[in-house]
């Protein structure tokens, strides 16, 4: 097992109830997150993704639960917020060092912050 796979394995146990859902993450800048970098529990304030209610139902989770986002670049664990305006199949995340773990630079010199393909899985509580 290589180092990358080992790091992914210890991020969290998935629920395994609903199958993983493929999502496209689109990032946005949020000026309010810069003033509050960490929550009371020490988790980064930017560790959140906004998903459509349909995607939440497909994943078998509710708003406020944890979600594991994985692609070939890495894995992260984030809180989920319901966003009715979000189209199904897309997730919105604030730009942060956390989301940088999922970005790629394959098609040019700039990192891809607007079209990050991930697999989303619900985590056990």
N, C-alpha and C. Protein backbone atom coordinates (compact mmCIF):
# COMPACT_ATOMS: atom_id res chain seq x y z
N UNK A 1 0.85 -1.17 0.00
CA UNK A 1 0.00 0.00 0.00
C UNK A 1 0.90 1.24 0.00
N UNK A 2 0.69 2.15 -0.95
CA UNK A 2 1.52 3.35 -1.00
C UNK A 2 1.08 4.36 0.05
N UNK A 3 1.89 5.40 0.27
CA UNK A 3 1.61 6.40 1.29
C UNK A 3 0.30 7.13 1.06
N UNK A 4 -0.02 7.42 -0.20
CA UNK A 4 -1.26 8.13 -0.52
C UNK A 4 -2.47 7.29 -0.11
N UNK A 5 -2.44 6.00 -0.42
CA UNK A 5 -3.56 5.13 -0.08
C UNK A 5 -3.69 4.99 1.43
N UNK A 6 -2.57 4.90 2.13
CA UNK A 6 -2.62 4.78 3.58
C UNK A 6 -3.28 6.00 4.21
N UNK A 7 -2.94 7.20 3.71
CA UNK A 7 -3.54 8.42 4.25
C UNK A 7 -5.04 8.44 3.99
N UNK A 8 -5.47 7.98 2.84
CA UNK A 8 -6.90 7.95 2.54
C UNK A 8 -7.63 6.98 3.45
N UNK A 9 -7.02 5.86 3.78
CA UNK A 9 -7.68 4.82 4.55
C UNK A 9 -8.00 5.27 5.97
N UNK A 10 -7.18 6.14 6.55
CA UNK A 10 -7.42 6.51 7.94
C UNK A 10 -8.23 7.79 8.10
N UNK A 11 -8.79 8.31 7.04
CA UNK A 11 -9.57 9.54 7.13
C UNK A 11 -10.89 9.31 7.84
N UNK A 12 -11.52 8.22 7.62
CA UNK A 12 -12.80 7.95 8.28
C UNK A 12 -13.47 6.73 7.67
N UNK A 13 -14.28 6.07 8.46
CA UNK A 13 -15.00 4.90 7.96
C UNK A 13 -16.29 5.37 7.31
N UNK A 14 -16.55 4.88 6.12
CA UNK A 14 -17.78 5.25 5.44
C UNK A 14 -18.94 4.42 5.95
N UNK A 15 -20.14 4.97 5.83
CA UNK A 15 -21.34 4.27 6.29
C UNK A 15 -21.58 3.00 5.49
N UNK A 16 -21.37 3.08 4.19
CA UNK A 16 -21.59 1.93 3.35
C UNK A 16 -23.06 1.64 3.08
N UNK A 17 -23.95 2.53 3.50
CA UNK A 17 -25.38 2.32 3.30
C UNK A 17 -25.76 2.67 1.86
N UNK A 18 -25.46 3.88 1.46
CA UNK A 18 -25.77 4.33 0.11
C UNK A 18 -24.50 4.25 -0.73
N UNK A 19 -24.64 4.00 -2.02
CA UNK A 19 -23.45 3.96 -2.87
C UNK A 19 -22.83 5.36 -2.99
N UNK A 20 -21.53 5.42 -3.27
CA UNK A 20 -20.90 6.73 -3.46
C UNK A 20 -21.56 7.49 -4.61
N UNK A 21 -21.51 8.79 -4.52
CA UNK A 21 -22.10 9.66 -5.54
C UNK A 21 -20.98 10.47 -6.19
N UNK A 22 -20.98 10.54 -7.51
CA UNK A 22 -20.00 11.38 -8.20
C UNK A 22 -20.50 12.81 -8.20
N UNK A 23 -19.61 13.72 -7.80
CA UNK A 23 -19.94 15.14 -7.74
C UNK A 23 -18.87 15.96 -8.45
N UNK A 24 -19.25 17.13 -8.88
CA UNK A 24 -18.32 18.13 -9.39
C UNK A 24 -18.30 19.27 -8.38
N UNK A 25 -17.15 19.53 -7.80
CA UNK A 25 -17.01 20.60 -6.82
C UNK A 25 -16.62 21.89 -7.53
N UNK A 26 -17.32 22.94 -7.19
CA UNK A 26 -17.03 24.28 -7.68
C UNK A 26 -16.69 25.13 -6.46
N UNK A 27 -15.58 25.83 -6.49
CA UNK A 27 -15.18 26.63 -5.34
C UNK A 27 -15.61 28.08 -5.49
N UNK A 28 -15.71 28.74 -4.36
CA UNK A 28 -16.07 30.17 -4.34
C UNK A 28 -15.28 30.84 -3.22
N UNK A 29 -15.14 32.13 -3.31
CA UNK A 29 -14.44 32.88 -2.27
C UNK A 29 -15.46 33.39 -1.26
N UNK A 30 -15.14 33.21 0.02
CA UNK A 30 -16.03 33.63 1.11
C UNK A 30 -15.21 34.47 2.08
N UNK A 31 -15.44 35.78 2.07
CA UNK A 31 -14.62 36.67 2.90
C UNK A 31 -14.83 36.44 4.39
N UNK A 32 -15.97 35.90 4.76
CA UNK A 32 -16.25 35.71 6.18
C UNK A 32 -15.44 34.56 6.77
N UNK A 33 -15.04 33.60 5.96
CA UNK A 33 -14.25 32.49 6.47
C UNK A 33 -12.84 32.92 6.87
N UNK A 34 -12.36 34.01 6.29
CA UNK A 34 -11.01 34.47 6.63
C UNK A 34 -10.96 35.04 8.04
N UNK A 35 -12.08 35.56 8.53
CA UNK A 35 -12.08 36.11 9.88
C UNK A 35 -12.25 35.03 10.94
N UNK A 36 -12.83 33.91 10.56
CA UNK A 36 -13.03 32.80 11.50
C UNK A 36 -12.47 31.53 10.87
N UNK A 37 -11.21 31.28 11.11
CA UNK A 37 -10.55 30.15 10.44
C UNK A 37 -10.92 28.79 11.01
N UNK A 38 -11.24 28.73 12.31
CA UNK A 38 -11.55 27.45 12.93
C UNK A 38 -12.84 27.52 13.73
N UNK A 39 -13.55 26.40 13.76
CA UNK A 39 -14.75 26.29 14.57
C UNK A 39 -14.34 25.99 16.01
N UNK A 40 -15.31 25.93 16.90
CA UNK A 40 -15.03 25.65 18.31
C UNK A 40 -14.37 24.29 18.51
N UNK A 41 -14.69 23.32 17.66
CA UNK A 41 -14.11 21.98 17.81
C UNK A 41 -12.74 21.85 17.14
N UNK A 42 -12.20 22.94 16.61
CA UNK A 42 -10.89 22.91 15.99
C UNK A 42 -10.89 22.57 14.52
N UNK A 43 -12.05 22.21 13.97
CA UNK A 43 -12.14 21.89 12.55
C UNK A 43 -12.09 23.19 11.74
N UNK A 44 -11.42 23.18 10.59
CA UNK A 44 -11.39 24.38 9.77
C UNK A 44 -12.80 24.83 9.39
N UNK A 45 -13.05 26.13 9.46
CA UNK A 45 -14.37 26.67 9.13
C UNK A 45 -14.72 26.41 7.67
N UNK A 46 -13.71 26.27 6.82
CA UNK A 46 -13.95 26.04 5.40
C UNK A 46 -14.21 24.58 5.08
N UNK A 47 -14.26 23.72 6.08
CA UNK A 47 -14.49 22.29 5.84
C UNK A 47 -15.97 22.02 5.69
N UNK A 48 -16.54 22.56 4.60
CA UNK A 48 -17.96 22.35 4.35
C UNK A 48 -18.21 22.30 2.85
N UNK A 49 -19.27 21.62 2.50
CA UNK A 49 -19.70 21.55 1.12
C UNK A 49 -21.21 21.76 1.10
N UNK A 50 -21.67 22.52 0.14
CA UNK A 50 -23.10 22.77 -0.04
C UNK A 50 -23.60 21.86 -1.16
N UNK A 51 -24.62 21.05 -0.84
CA UNK A 51 -25.17 20.10 -1.81
C UNK A 51 -26.67 20.28 -1.94
N UNK A 52 -27.20 19.80 -3.05
CA UNK A 52 -28.65 19.84 -3.28
C UNK A 52 -29.34 18.83 -2.36
N UNK A 53 -30.59 19.07 -2.02
CA UNK A 53 -31.34 18.10 -1.22
C UNK A 53 -31.40 16.72 -1.88
N UNK A 54 -31.44 16.67 -3.22
CA UNK A 54 -31.46 15.38 -3.92
C UNK A 54 -30.16 14.61 -3.67
N UNK A 55 -29.02 15.30 -3.74
CA UNK A 55 -27.74 14.62 -3.48
C UNK A 55 -27.65 14.14 -2.04
N UNK A 56 -28.18 14.93 -1.11
CA UNK A 56 -28.20 14.49 0.29
C UNK A 56 -29.01 13.20 0.43
N UNK A 57 -30.15 13.16 -0.24
CA UNK A 57 -31.00 11.97 -0.18
C UNK A 57 -30.30 10.77 -0.83
N UNK A 58 -29.63 11.01 -1.96
CA UNK A 58 -28.91 9.92 -2.64
C UNK A 58 -27.80 9.35 -1.77
N UNK A 59 -27.18 10.21 -0.96
CA UNK A 59 -26.10 9.78 -0.07
C UNK A 59 -26.63 9.20 1.24
N UNK A 60 -27.91 9.40 1.51
CA UNK A 60 -28.50 8.89 2.74
C UNK A 60 -28.07 9.66 3.97
N UNK A 61 -27.83 10.96 3.82
CA UNK A 61 -27.39 11.78 4.95
C UNK A 61 -28.26 13.03 5.06
N UNK A 62 -28.10 13.70 6.18
CA UNK A 62 -28.81 14.96 6.42
C UNK A 62 -27.79 16.08 6.56
N UNK A 63 -28.25 17.30 6.45
CA UNK A 63 -27.38 18.46 6.63
C UNK A 63 -26.75 18.38 8.02
N UNK A 64 -25.48 18.74 8.10
CA UNK A 64 -24.76 18.71 9.37
C UNK A 64 -23.92 17.45 9.56
N UNK A 65 -24.15 16.44 8.74
CA UNK A 65 -23.36 15.21 8.85
C UNK A 65 -22.05 15.35 8.08
N UNK A 66 -21.18 14.37 8.24
CA UNK A 66 -19.86 14.37 7.60
C UNK A 66 -19.90 13.63 6.27
N UNK A 67 -19.07 14.12 5.36
CA UNK A 67 -18.97 13.54 4.03
C UNK A 67 -17.50 13.42 3.66
N UNK A 68 -17.13 12.32 3.06
CA UNK A 68 -15.76 12.11 2.60
C UNK A 68 -15.73 12.34 1.09
N UNK A 69 -14.88 13.27 0.66
CA UNK A 69 -14.70 13.56 -0.76
C UNK A 69 -13.35 13.03 -1.18
N UNK A 70 -13.33 12.23 -2.25
CA UNK A 70 -12.10 11.57 -2.68
C UNK A 70 -11.95 11.69 -4.19
N UNK A 71 -10.73 11.92 -4.63
CA UNK A 71 -10.37 11.77 -6.04
C UNK A 71 -8.93 11.29 -6.10
N UNK A 72 -8.34 11.26 -7.28
CA UNK A 72 -6.99 10.72 -7.42
C UNK A 72 -5.93 11.60 -6.74
N UNK A 73 -6.28 12.81 -6.38
CA UNK A 73 -5.33 13.71 -5.72
C UNK A 73 -5.30 13.53 -4.21
N UNK A 74 -6.43 13.15 -3.61
CA UNK A 74 -6.48 13.00 -2.16
C UNK A 74 -7.90 12.85 -1.65
N UNK A 75 -8.04 12.95 -0.33
CA UNK A 75 -9.34 12.83 0.34
C UNK A 75 -9.45 13.89 1.43
N UNK A 76 -10.66 14.37 1.63
CA UNK A 76 -10.93 15.29 2.73
C UNK A 76 -12.28 14.93 3.34
N UNK A 77 -12.48 15.34 4.58
CA UNK A 77 -13.75 15.14 5.27
C UNK A 77 -14.33 16.52 5.56
N UNK A 78 -15.60 16.70 5.19
CA UNK A 78 -16.24 18.00 5.34
C UNK A 78 -17.64 17.84 5.92
N UNK A 79 -18.16 18.93 6.47
CA UNK A 79 -19.56 18.98 6.90
C UNK A 79 -20.42 19.27 5.68
N UNK A 80 -21.67 18.85 5.73
CA UNK A 80 -22.58 19.05 4.61
C UNK A 80 -23.65 20.08 4.99
N UNK A 81 -23.90 20.99 4.07
CA UNK A 81 -25.00 21.94 4.21
C UNK A 81 -25.95 21.73 3.04
N UNK A 82 -27.25 21.83 3.30
CA UNK A 82 -28.24 21.72 2.23
C UNK A 82 -28.37 23.08 1.54
N UNK A 83 -28.33 23.06 0.22
CA UNK A 83 -28.46 24.28 -0.57
C UNK A 83 -29.47 24.02 -1.68
N UNK A 84 -30.72 24.46 -1.50
CA UNK A 84 -31.76 24.18 -2.50
C UNK A 84 -31.44 24.73 -3.89
N UNK A 85 -30.64 25.79 -3.98
CA UNK A 85 -30.32 26.38 -5.28
C UNK A 85 -29.21 25.62 -6.01
N UNK A 86 -28.56 24.71 -5.33
CA UNK A 86 -27.46 23.95 -5.92
C UNK A 86 -28.01 22.87 -6.86
N UNK A 87 -27.53 22.80 -8.09
CA UNK A 87 -28.00 21.74 -8.98
C UNK A 87 -27.48 20.37 -8.54
N UNK A 88 -28.25 19.36 -8.81
CA UNK A 88 -27.85 18.00 -8.47
C UNK A 88 -26.56 17.63 -9.21
N UNK A 89 -25.66 16.97 -8.50
CA UNK A 89 -24.40 16.56 -9.11
C UNK A 89 -23.28 17.56 -8.91
N UNK A 90 -23.59 18.70 -8.31
CA UNK A 90 -22.58 19.73 -8.04
C UNK A 90 -22.53 20.03 -6.55
N UNK A 91 -21.37 20.42 -6.09
CA UNK A 91 -21.20 20.86 -4.71
C UNK A 91 -20.40 22.14 -4.70
N UNK A 92 -20.72 23.02 -3.77
CA UNK A 92 -20.02 24.29 -3.65
C UNK A 92 -19.20 24.30 -2.38
N UNK A 93 -17.92 24.65 -2.51
CA UNK A 93 -17.01 24.72 -1.37
C UNK A 93 -16.24 26.03 -1.41
N UNK A 94 -15.97 26.62 -0.24
CA UNK A 94 -15.13 27.81 -0.23
C UNK A 94 -13.68 27.46 -0.55
N UNK A 95 -13.00 28.38 -1.20
CA UNK A 95 -11.58 28.21 -1.49
C UNK A 95 -10.83 28.17 -0.16
N UNK A 96 -9.98 27.17 0.01
CA UNK A 96 -9.21 27.04 1.25
C UNK A 96 -8.08 26.06 1.01
N UNK A 97 -7.11 26.01 1.91
CA UNK A 97 -6.07 24.99 1.78
C UNK A 97 -6.63 23.57 1.79
N UNK A 98 -7.78 23.39 2.42
CA UNK A 98 -8.40 22.06 2.47
C UNK A 98 -8.80 21.58 1.07
N UNK A 99 -9.45 22.43 0.31
CA UNK A 99 -9.90 22.03 -1.03
C UNK A 99 -8.70 21.89 -1.98
N UNK A 100 -7.58 22.51 -1.64
CA UNK A 100 -6.39 22.36 -2.47
C UNK A 100 -5.93 20.90 -2.56
N UNK A 101 -6.29 20.09 -1.58
CA UNK A 101 -5.91 18.67 -1.59
C UNK A 101 -6.59 17.90 -2.72
N UNK A 102 -7.62 18.50 -3.31
CA UNK A 102 -8.36 17.83 -4.38
C UNK A 102 -8.12 18.43 -5.76
N UNK A 103 -7.40 19.53 -5.83
CA UNK A 103 -7.24 20.23 -7.11
C UNK A 103 -6.14 19.60 -7.96
N UNK A 104 -6.26 19.82 -9.26
CA UNK A 104 -5.29 19.29 -10.22
C UNK A 104 -4.77 20.43 -11.10
N UNK A 105 -3.67 20.18 -11.76
CA UNK A 105 -3.10 21.14 -12.71
C UNK A 105 -2.79 20.42 -14.02
N UNK A 106 -3.62 19.51 -14.41
CA UNK A 106 -3.31 18.65 -15.56
C UNK A 106 -3.44 19.35 -16.91
N UNK A 107 -4.39 20.26 -17.06
CA UNK A 107 -4.67 20.82 -18.38
C UNK A 107 -4.10 22.23 -18.55
N UNK A 108 -3.16 22.58 -17.77
CA UNK A 108 -2.57 23.90 -17.88
C UNK A 108 -1.71 24.19 -16.68
N UNK A 109 -1.33 25.43 -16.55
CA UNK A 109 -0.44 25.81 -15.47
C UNK A 109 -1.18 26.23 -14.20
N UNK A 110 -2.46 26.51 -14.32
CA UNK A 110 -3.22 26.97 -13.17
C UNK A 110 -4.02 25.82 -12.56
N UNK A 111 -4.17 25.82 -11.23
CA UNK A 111 -4.97 24.77 -10.60
C UNK A 111 -6.44 24.88 -11.00
N UNK A 112 -7.10 23.75 -11.04
CA UNK A 112 -8.49 23.69 -11.44
C UNK A 112 -9.38 23.82 -10.20
N UNK A 113 -9.92 25.00 -9.95
CA UNK A 113 -10.78 25.23 -8.80
C UNK A 113 -12.27 25.20 -9.15
N UNK A 114 -12.61 25.14 -10.42
CA UNK A 114 -14.01 25.26 -10.82
C UNK A 114 -14.63 23.98 -11.34
N UNK A 115 -13.87 22.92 -11.41
CA UNK A 115 -14.42 21.66 -11.94
C UNK A 115 -13.64 20.50 -11.35
N UNK A 116 -13.84 20.24 -10.06
CA UNK A 116 -13.11 19.19 -9.35
C UNK A 116 -14.01 17.96 -9.24
N UNK A 117 -13.64 16.91 -9.95
CA UNK A 117 -14.42 15.67 -9.94
C UNK A 117 -14.07 14.87 -8.68
N UNK A 118 -15.09 14.48 -7.91
CA UNK A 118 -14.86 13.71 -6.68
C UNK A 118 -15.89 12.60 -6.55
N UNK A 119 -15.57 11.66 -5.67
CA UNK A 119 -16.52 10.63 -5.24
C UNK A 119 -16.89 11.00 -3.80
N UNK A 120 -18.18 11.10 -3.52
CA UNK A 120 -18.66 11.48 -2.19
C UNK A 120 -19.24 10.26 -1.49
N UNK A 121 -18.83 10.07 -0.23
CA UNK A 121 -19.34 8.96 0.58
C UNK A 121 -19.70 9.47 1.97
N UNK A 122 -20.82 9.01 2.49
CA UNK A 122 -21.22 9.38 3.84
C UNK A 122 -20.33 8.67 4.85
N UNK A 123 -20.03 9.35 5.95
CA UNK A 123 -19.20 8.77 7.01
C UNK A 123 -20.06 8.31 8.17
N UNK A 124 -19.56 7.32 8.89
CA UNK A 124 -20.23 6.88 10.11
C UNK A 124 -20.14 7.99 11.15
N UNK A 125 -21.13 8.08 11.98
CA UNK A 125 -21.13 9.11 13.03
C UNK A 125 -20.18 8.76 14.13
